[in-house]
Amino acid sequence: MSLPSRCPLCQAGPDHQGVVTPWVYGGAPGQAFFHCEACDVRYLFPPLTQDEAMRFYAAEFSGFMEKRSGEGGGWDQPERHVRANQSQWERRWRYLADHLPPQGRVLEIGCSSGFMLYPLEQKGLECLGVEPSGVFGAYVRARGLACYDDMDALVAAGAHEAGFDLIMHFFVLEHMVDPVAAIARQMAMLRPGGRLVFEIPNCADALRTVYDLPAFERFYWSVAHNWYFSEDSTRHLLERLSPNVEILRDQRYDLSNHMVWARDGKPGGMGRFTPVWGEEVERQYREALIASGHCDTLVAILHKD
């Protein structure tokens, strides 16, 4: 196993670095996840090379996610993906609505099937996407939205020059090689008064920090992710990039999903048992995880003056 000489986020030295796990889902021998005690970030070392990452996201990512997401994920077909993520749209809308401009330009980075963009387009916003997956990018373009393979292609086309009122991405930052440079670039593309809103996994997820399920632990640490953030490491990352940062907690997966993990040791099961115990139990469970900090998702909102 190769050992890092310093944290790739805060540059703390080797005395602050420790192994989280040598098990990397989909990874290669010698890869592992490390924890930096100085900034509290978890990171993959060694990470994928740039060429490996480009090949992975262009040709393999949708199949990789189909295998990981379990039943009902919709990663096999873009149309199914749109339908399967209606509940995610509704969950995100609860906080996104407050930061949506009445008119203007919206960019989603890593837009997959575009399910977050189509309702915004219907509200009269100009929506653009960035999506490296060939299948999903082609689908978004076929639905009439401008969609670029990567941020460099968007810039080369001049699509950034008019600026954006909202830039959003969901479970994308953890894939990026340099999250500091990525966020700085995105902030530079915002118009005055614009917002950058994104979600990332919270490494305090109850399935690993409360229930300590071995099957989930082996599933969780994925080669597709360069980073796993906590609330502390998220603040460390963002507060040097913007003076106006909000970090919210949220919960994607329900009690039914957690019960399936505990019983079967695999993903899936969203909503399976909800008809038995009812929506109120699901709501209370979600709110308890959020209040305790053992939720699975962090939401960051950056304001540009």
Protein backbone atom coordinates (compact mmCIF):
# COMPACT_ATOMS: atom_id res chain seq x y z
CA MET A 1 0.00 0.00 0.00
CA SER A 2 1.31 3.45 -0.98
CA LEU A 3 1.29 6.04 1.82
CA PRO A 4 0.55 9.75 1.26
CA SER A 5 3.22 12.24 2.29
CA ARG A 6 0.60 14.88 3.15
CA CYS A 7 -3.13 15.60 2.99
CA PRO A 8 -4.13 16.63 -0.54
CA LEU A 9 -6.69 19.10 0.88
CA CYS A 10 -4.97 20.93 3.77
CA GLN A 11 -1.38 19.78 3.17
CA ALA A 12 -0.94 18.50 6.74
CA GLY A 13 2.00 16.13 7.05
CA PRO A 14 2.17 12.34 7.42
CA ASP A 15 1.78 12.40 11.22
CA HIS A 16 -1.85 13.49 10.70
CA GLN A 17 -2.71 10.79 8.13
CA GLY A 18 -4.23 7.42 9.02
CA VAL A 19 -5.81 4.57 7.09
CA VAL A 20 -9.61 4.43 7.14
CA THR A 21 -9.89 1.25 5.10
CA PRO A 22 -7.81 -0.71 2.57
CA TRP A 23 -11.07 -1.88 0.97
CA VAL A 24 -12.02 0.26 -2.06
CA TYR A 25 -15.20 -0.77 -3.89
CA GLY A 26 -14.22 -1.14 -7.56
CA GLY A 27 -10.63 -0.18 -6.77
CA ALA A 28 -7.24 -1.66 -7.56
CA PRO A 29 -4.70 -3.35 -5.28
CA GLY A 30 -2.75 -0.76 -3.33
CA GLN A 31 -5.52 1.83 -3.16
CA ALA A 32 -6.93 2.83 0.22
CA PHE A 33 -8.87 5.58 1.93
CA PHE A 34 -7.06 7.80 4.40
CA HIS A 35 -8.25 10.24 7.09
CA CYS A 36 -6.57 13.56 7.77
CA GLU A 37 -6.95 14.42 11.46
CA ALA A 38 -6.04 18.06 10.77
CA CYS A 39 -8.98 18.93 8.48
CA ASP A 40 -11.14 15.78 8.99
CA VAL A 41 -11.36 14.90 5.30
CA ARG A 42 -11.22 11.32 3.98
CA TYR A 43 -9.54 10.74 0.62
CA LEU A 44 -8.58 8.04 -1.87
CA PHE A 45 -4.87 7.39 -2.35
CA PRO A 46 -3.58 6.91 -4.90
CA PRO A 47 -6.51 8.41 -6.86
CA LEU A 48 -7.46 7.57 -10.42
CA THR A 49 -5.24 9.21 -13.01
CA GLN A 50 -6.87 11.81 -15.26
CA ASP A 51 -7.00 9.36 -18.19
CA GLU A 52 -8.49 6.63 -15.98
CA ALA A 53 -11.14 9.02 -14.67
CA MET A 54 -12.09 10.23 -18.16
CA ARG A 55 -12.54 6.67 -19.41
CA PHE A 56 -14.50 5.70 -16.32
CA TYR A 57 -17.03 8.53 -16.50
CA ALA A 58 -17.43 8.48 -20.28
CA ALA A 59 -17.98 4.75 -20.67
CA GLU A 60 -18.37 2.95 -17.33
CA PHE A 61 -20.05 5.19 -14.77
CA SER A 62 -23.71 4.47 -15.54
CA GLY A 63 -23.07 0.70 -15.40
CA PHE A 64 -21.07 1.12 -12.19
CA MET A 65 -23.93 3.07 -10.60
CA GLU A 66 -26.55 0.60 -11.82
CA LYS A 67 -24.71 -2.14 -9.97
CA ARG A 68 -24.32 -0.02 -6.81
CA SER A 69 -27.80 1.50 -6.61
CA GLY A 70 -29.81 -1.70 -6.32
CA GLU A 71 -33.35 -2.07 -7.51
CA GLY A 72 -35.14 0.95 -8.85
CA GLY A 73 -32.09 3.18 -9.40
CA GLY A 74 -32.86 3.69 -13.09
CA TRP A 75 -29.22 3.85 -14.17
CA ASP A 76 -29.80 1.43 -17.05
CA GLN A 77 -31.97 3.89 -19.05
CA PRO A 78 -32.22 7.69 -18.92
CA GLU A 79 -36.02 7.65 -19.05
CA ARG A 80 -36.18 5.29 -16.06
CA HIS A 81 -33.61 7.43 -14.25
CA VAL A 82 -35.87 10.50 -14.58
CA ARG A 83 -38.84 8.61 -13.15
CA ALA A 84 -36.81 6.94 -10.39
CA ASN A 85 -35.55 10.29 -9.11
CA GLN A 86 -38.83 12.12 -8.71
CA SER A 87 -38.56 11.78 -4.92
CA GLN A 88 -35.04 13.27 -5.03
CA TRP A 89 -36.35 16.26 -6.98
CA GLU A 90 -39.05 16.77 -4.34
CA ARG A 91 -36.55 16.44 -1.47
CA ARG A 92 -34.17 18.97 -3.01
CA TRP A 93 -36.93 21.39 -3.89
CA ARG A 94 -37.60 21.91 -0.16
CA TYR A 95 -34.37 23.91 0.16
CA LEU A 96 -33.61 24.78 -3.49
CA ALA A 97 -36.78 26.84 -3.96
CA ASP A 98 -35.45 29.59 -1.68
CA HIS A 99 -32.38 30.04 -3.89
CA LEU A 100 -33.98 29.81 -7.32
CA PRO A 101 -34.03 33.05 -9.32
CA PRO A 102 -37.39 34.06 -10.83
CA GLN A 103 -35.63 34.18 -14.18
CA GLY A 104 -32.13 33.71 -15.51
CA ARG A 105 -29.58 31.01 -16.22
CA VAL A 106 -29.07 27.73 -14.37
CA LEU A 107 -26.18 25.29 -14.79
CA GLU A 108 -26.15 21.78 -13.37
CA ILE A 109 -22.78 20.03 -13.32
CA GLY A 110 -23.10 16.25 -13.52
CA CYS A 111 -26.73 16.48 -14.58
CA SER A 112 -27.08 12.73 -15.43
CA SER A 113 -30.51 12.31 -17.06
CA GLY A 114 -31.37 15.98 -16.49
CA PHE A 115 -34.20 15.23 -14.07
CA MET A 116 -33.38 18.28 -11.94
CA LEU A 117 -33.37 20.62 -14.96
CA TYR A 118 -36.60 19.82 -16.80
CA PRO A 119 -38.94 21.26 -14.12
CA LEU A 120 -36.78 24.42 -13.96
CA GLU A 121 -36.95 24.80 -17.73
CA GLN A 122 -40.73 24.57 -17.46
CA LYS A 123 -40.60 27.47 -14.99
CA GLY A 124 -38.99 29.61 -17.72
CA LEU A 125 -35.34 29.38 -16.69
CA GLU A 126 -32.56 28.88 -19.24
CA CYS A 127 -31.02 25.54 -18.23
CA LEU A 128 -27.67 24.06 -19.25
CA GLY A 129 -25.94 20.87 -18.20
CA VAL A 130 -22.53 19.26 -17.98
CA GLU A 131 -22.50 15.47 -18.16
CA PRO A 132 -19.51 13.26 -19.04
CA SER A 133 -21.60 10.10 -19.51
CA GLY A 134 -22.14 9.68 -23.24
CA VAL A 135 -25.55 8.02 -22.88
CA PHE A 136 -26.98 10.56 -20.44
CA GLY A 137 -25.46 13.58 -22.18
CA ALA A 138 -26.99 12.52 -25.51
CA TYR A 139 -30.36 12.08 -23.81
CA VAL A 140 -30.29 15.58 -22.29
CA ARG A 141 -29.39 17.11 -25.66
CA ALA A 142 -32.18 15.15 -27.33
CA ARG A 143 -34.58 16.78 -24.86
CA GLY A 144 -33.50 20.17 -26.13
CA LEU A 145 -31.06 21.38 -23.47
CA ALA A 146 -27.47 22.44 -24.09
CA CYS A 147 -25.26 19.82 -22.46
CA TYR A 148 -21.46 19.67 -22.51
CA ASP A 149 -19.11 16.77 -21.89
CA ASP A 150 -17.12 18.70 -19.30
CA MET A 151 -16.48 22.19 -17.98
CA ASP A 152 -13.68 22.81 -20.47
CA ALA A 153 -16.10 22.12 -23.33
CA LEU A 154 -18.63 24.54 -21.82
CA VAL A 155 -15.96 27.24 -21.60
CA ALA A 156 -14.68 26.53 -25.12
CA ALA A 157 -18.22 27.07 -26.41
CA GLY A 158 -18.45 30.39 -24.56
CA ALA A 159 -21.53 29.24 -22.63
CA HIS A 160 -20.13 30.66 -19.39
CA GLU A 161 -19.62 34.21 -20.63
CA ALA A 162 -23.09 35.50 -19.71
CA GLY A 163 -22.73 34.05 -16.21
CA PHE A 164 -25.19 32.00 -14.16
CA ASP A 165 -27.71 32.87 -11.49
CA LEU A 166 -27.58 29.37 -10.03
CA ILE A 167 -24.98 26.63 -10.37
CA MET A 168 -25.86 23.33 -8.75
CA HIS A 169 -24.47 19.83 -8.51
CA PHE A 170 -25.49 16.81 -6.50
CA PHE A 171 -22.98 14.18 -5.38
CA VAL A 172 -20.38 15.49 -7.82
CA LEU A 173 -17.76 17.31 -5.73
CA GLU A 174 -16.54 14.08 -4.12
CA HIS A 175 -15.56 12.87 -7.62
CA MET A 176 -13.40 15.88 -8.46
CA VAL A 177 -9.61 15.75 -8.33
CA ASP A 178 -9.24 19.30 -6.95
CA PRO A 179 -12.39 20.45 -5.12
CA VAL A 180 -10.86 23.83 -4.17
CA ALA A 181 -10.12 24.73 -7.80
CA ALA A 182 -13.51 23.37 -8.91
CA ILE A 183 -15.48 25.49 -6.43
CA ALA A 184 -13.41 28.60 -7.19
CA ARG A 185 -14.05 28.15 -10.92
CA GLN A 186 -17.77 27.74 -10.34
CA MET A 187 -17.98 30.83 -8.11
CA ALA A 188 -16.24 32.86 -10.82
CA MET A 189 -19.02 31.91 -13.26
CA LEU A 190 -21.81 33.21 -11.02
CA ARG A 191 -23.44 36.56 -11.64
CA PRO A 192 -23.51 39.01 -8.70
CA GLY A 193 -26.12 37.74 -6.24
CA GLY A 194 -25.88 34.22 -7.66
CA ARG A 195 -25.85 30.99 -5.70
CA LEU A 196 -23.81 27.82 -5.78
CA VAL A 197 -25.75 24.91 -4.26
CA PHE A 198 -24.47 21.36 -3.98
CA GLU A 199 -24.87 18.09 -2.10
CA ILE A 200 -22.17 15.71 -0.93
CA PRO A 201 -22.22 12.48 1.09
CA ASN A 202 -21.84 12.95 4.84
CA CYS A 203 -19.29 10.48 6.18
CA ALA A 204 -21.21 10.46 9.50
CA ASP A 205 -23.90 8.36 7.73
CA ALA A 206 -25.79 6.31 10.35
CA LEU A 207 -25.28 3.06 8.45
CA ARG A 208 -21.60 3.24 9.29
CA THR A 209 -21.36 5.42 12.41
CA VAL A 210 -24.43 4.16 14.32
CA TYR A 211 -25.25 0.70 12.97
CA ASP A 212 -21.67 -0.21 11.96
CA LEU A 213 -22.76 -2.64 9.23
CA PRO A 214 -19.76 -4.48 7.72
CA ALA A 215 -21.53 -4.96 4.37
CA PHE A 216 -22.20 -1.23 4.11
CA GLU A 217 -18.63 -0.38 5.09
CA ARG A 218 -17.32 -2.48 2.20
CA PHE A 219 -19.84 -0.88 -0.16
CA TYR A 220 -19.44 2.72 0.97
CA TRP A 221 -15.80 3.50 0.14
CA SER A 222 -15.94 3.73 -3.66
CA VAL A 223 -13.21 4.17 -6.26
CA ALA A 224 -15.51 6.69 -7.95
CA HIS A 225 -14.98 9.09 -5.02
CA ASN A 226 -11.77 10.96 -4.39
CA TRP A 227 -13.19 12.50 -1.20
CA TYR A 228 -15.59 11.96 1.68
CA PHE A 229 -16.49 15.04 3.71
CA SER A 230 -17.74 15.67 7.23
CA GLU A 231 -19.29 18.94 8.39
CA ASP A 232 -15.88 20.05 9.71
CA SER A 233 -13.98 19.24 6.53
CA THR A 234 -16.70 20.86 4.41
CA ARG A 235 -16.33 24.10 6.38
CA HIS A 236 -12.54 23.85 6.08
CA LEU A 237 -12.93 23.60 2.30
CA LEU A 238 -15.52 26.32 1.77
CA GLU A 239 -14.84 29.08 4.26
CA ARG A 240 -11.61 30.02 2.50
CA LEU A 241 -13.52 30.31 -0.81
CA SER A 242 -16.55 32.35 0.24
CA PRO A 243 -17.37 34.48 3.31
CA ASN A 244 -21.04 33.56 3.03
CA VAL A 245 -21.54 29.81 3.41
CA GLU A 246 -24.46 27.77 4.72
CA ILE A 247 -24.19 24.04 5.45
CA LEU A 248 -27.44 22.13 5.90
CA ARG A 249 -28.06 18.51 6.84
CA ASP A 250 -30.38 16.24 4.86
CA GLN A 251 -31.30 12.56 4.56
CA ARG A 252 -31.76 10.84 1.21
CA TYR A 253 -32.44 7.25 2.23
CA ASP A 254 -35.39 6.17 4.34
CA LEU A 255 -35.96 3.75 7.18
CA SER A 256 -37.01 1.05 4.71
CA ASN A 257 -33.65 1.30 2.95
CA HIS A 258 -31.82 1.03 6.27
CA MET A 259 -33.88 -2.00 7.26
CA VAL A 260 -32.93 -3.74 4.01
CA TRP A 261 -29.27 -2.96 4.64
CA ALA A 262 -29.53 -4.41 8.15
CA ARG A 263 -31.44 -7.50 6.99
CA ASP A 264 -29.88 -8.26 3.58
CA GLY A 265 -26.60 -6.35 3.54
CA LYS A 266 -27.32 -4.68 0.21
CA PRO A 267 -28.79 -1.46 -1.23
CA GLY A 268 -32.38 -0.98 -2.33
CA GLY A 269 -35.66 -1.04 -0.51
CA MET A 270 -36.65 2.64 -0.60
CA GLY A 271 -40.28 2.80 0.52
CA ARG A 272 -40.67 -0.97 0.79
CA PHE A 273 -42.05 -1.02 4.33
CA THR A 274 -43.55 2.47 4.42
CA PRO A 275 -47.10 1.16 3.82
CA VAL A 276 -46.72 -0.85 7.05
CA TRP A 277 -45.52 1.86 9.44
CA GLY A 278 -46.65 4.96 7.52
CA GLU A 279 -45.15 8.21 6.30
CA GLU A 280 -45.07 9.74 9.77
CA VAL A 281 -42.59 7.15 11.03
CA GLU A 282 -40.39 7.75 7.99
CA ARG A 283 -40.52 11.51 8.62
CA GLN A 284 -39.61 11.17 12.28
CA TYR A 285 -36.74 8.82 11.48
CA ARG A 286 -35.38 11.22 8.86
CA GLU A 287 -35.64 14.18 11.23
CA ALA A 288 -33.94 12.25 14.05
CA LEU A 289 -30.93 11.45 11.84
CA ILE A 290 -30.69 15.07 10.70
CA ALA A 291 -30.89 16.39 14.27
CA SER A 292 -28.24 13.96 15.50
CA GLY A 293 -25.83 14.68 12.62
CA HIS A 294 -25.91 11.04 11.51
CA CYS A 295 -27.65 11.91 8.23
CA ASP A 296 -26.28 10.78 4.88
CA THR A 297 -26.17 14.14 3.06
CA LEU A 298 -24.72 17.61 3.48
CA VAL A 299 -26.02 20.58 1.48
CA ALA A 300 -23.71 23.55 0.90
CA ILE A 301 -24.98 26.96 -0.24
CA LEU A 302 -22.51 29.67 -1.24
CA HIS A 303 -23.66 33.23 -1.95
CA LYS A 304 -21.84 35.55 -4.33
CA ASP A 305 -22.02 39.24 -3.42
